[in-house]
Amino acid sequence: MIPRVWAPAAAAVTLVTMTRTELHPQAAGWWAADQELVHGADYAFSLDGGPARPDPRSPWQPGGVHGPSRAFDPGLHRWSDADWCGVDAAGAVTYELHVGTFTPDGTLDAAAQRLDHLADLGVDLVELMPVAAFDGRHGWGYDGVDLYAVHEPYGGPGALQRFVDAAHQLGLGVCLDVVYNHLGPSGNYLRDFGPYFTASHTTPWGEAVNLDGPGAHEVRRFVCDNALRWLTDFHVDALRLDAVHALADTSPRHLLAQLSDEVAALAAALGRPLSLVAETDLNDPASVAPTDEGGWGMTAQWADDVHHAVHALVTGERQGYYVDFGSPQVLRHALRQAFVHEGQLSTFRGRAWGRPVPDGLDGHRFVAAVTNHDQVGNRALGDRPSARLTPAVLAGQAALVLLAPFSPMLFMGEEWGATTPFQYFTDHTDPALAAAVRDGRRAEFAGHGTHELDGEAVQVPDPQDPQTFADSHLDWSQPAAETHARLLAWYRTLIALRRVVPALASGDRAACDLSAEPGVGTEGPFEGWLVVRRGSARIVVNLAPTPAEVPVPPAEHPLRVVASWDQVTLEQDGTDLRVMMPGAGVTVLA
């Protein structure tokens, strides 16, 4: 490894190892050393005689984000995935997990030992919440500061290579959650090196990453090179791009379009699919439009409106951004259009929002979820739907999302109805920052009234309390318990149906429709029946605890039960078909 660094304003740059060596100026503000660093060698850079700082492109931070960088040779790993053909995120079943709480050990090597569970579940793609190095031992990872390094408590860069290799051996792709819209507050030394940020744009985290001002060319390369590195040196199959609406870029060619074209070129060279999935709340299909048509060229984008439509319907929650959701009519719109807000008023935002999805656009270009890290962890108590919903209703909402014309995503533990929370936790080493996060979290929910769980008032957890982190770990004894095992088997069945029933595998949104029990009120949880038509298949969901006689729209061929939460009876009278359901539950006909 030849030490190089971009520091356009520096008059001198020194490589700090066991000795100090002056770097030579290069073109465009770059500096380089004559010597090569061997794998495992520690180093840092000093600008104009200032303090030693980690490499902005540090591949390894074994001593934490304030310590020296360490050279890492990615070629030392002996890969065993030469026959790996890749997986496309569009149409895939994705499983999102947080490395630190997925297992008791909280490491990538420990997570790799649980990959057989995911292979048995039937998922296609394992999505890791951010692993870039951040301050402290544990956190969600969205405050990373060394974006080229892998968080050392997770095992460092070598552990990520081992994890991806193990996943590929089981037929699982790996998606890495990456954050390019901001850096965390502790250990961010990029400002020392160059104009990585700009006051011309602001974000919820302060000044925006400089994508369109002086020096932006090298900042854009910093981002694109980072993405390409995960896909090449670590054999990652996809990247989930966090909150891309906060990537302020007025350039003629948006950063995401540039990144999309570069990743497409790499995929062609490697001969396997590489995917980019954008998290964006803009409700703008430009995110997945081709770059030669002025779009960003993303493989897919998150469709939070689908989650909101299902969640508000089954829980009755209408606060905050759920205010415009909760009726069967809104759910029907979400299942057919992906976006609920497509140019009309968003009450929560107080203005018109979004644009319509073009007819014919494959539904697989949208990722939908029953829940994800945001929709659990950003709740005051980090409580999952399983804390309030019966297993039968959990089974029903799972079918609504997993069998919809989108690319479904699960959040770790959802498949067995995990009762462990996923709370917001941090481990900031700066006392002032820790206090600010603690106070801010409690202030955020102060006006939301009393928080209850199982009928008891509960205080908003302290993010800095180690117990908050400990409580968020999955309990791997739960899947063997009877109720949890039944739900896990149901999830396996639903995922398998996507592979054997063509109508359920389709991304044809126009072939999806929904009817609901008429006259059922929408105040509180919806307690009636729903029938989703997916081409020639039918998904019948009863959300009421009482028996229901559900009329089923006819299909072009006789329908039979291919999966059912409880035993049901079919009654046929000529062309009229009714499903007799004993209570809350779900039945799939094809």
Foldseek 3Di string as FASTA:
>chain_A
DKDKAAFQVFPWKWKDFVHIDTWDADPPRMTTDPDDADFFGWIFMDGPNHDTAEGLQAAADQPALRDTGGDHDLVVDDFPLPVQQFDFLQLFAEEEEEQQFQDVQSALVVVLVCLVVVLLLPGAEYEYQAQATDGFLDFSRQQHANQNWGHVSNPIDVSLLVNQRSQSVSNHAYEYEGEDFDHHDPSRPVVVRDPQFDQVDADPVGTTGDCADVPNVVNLVVVLVSVVCCCPSRVHAEYEYEACVSRDDPDPQDSLLVSLVVQVVVCVVVNHHHFYEYEYPQQECLQCDHVVVVRSNGQAYELCQLLLQLVCQAFVDCPAQSVVHFDVVLNQCCLQWSHSQAQDDRVNVGGRGHHTDDAPDFQSRYEYEPDECCRQAVPQAQFDVLQPDDLQSLLQSLLSQLLGLYRYYYYPPSQLSFGQGAYGADAHPDVVVLVVQQVVSQVVCVPVDFDDTPRDTDGRDRRNPVVNSVSNHTDVVRCVDDSSVLSNVSSSLSSVCLVVPVLSSGRNSVQWGKDWDPPFDRRGHTQTWMWIGRQQKIKIFGSFFAKDKAKDQAGPDDKDWPDWSDDWDWDDDPRIIIITGHGGHMTMID
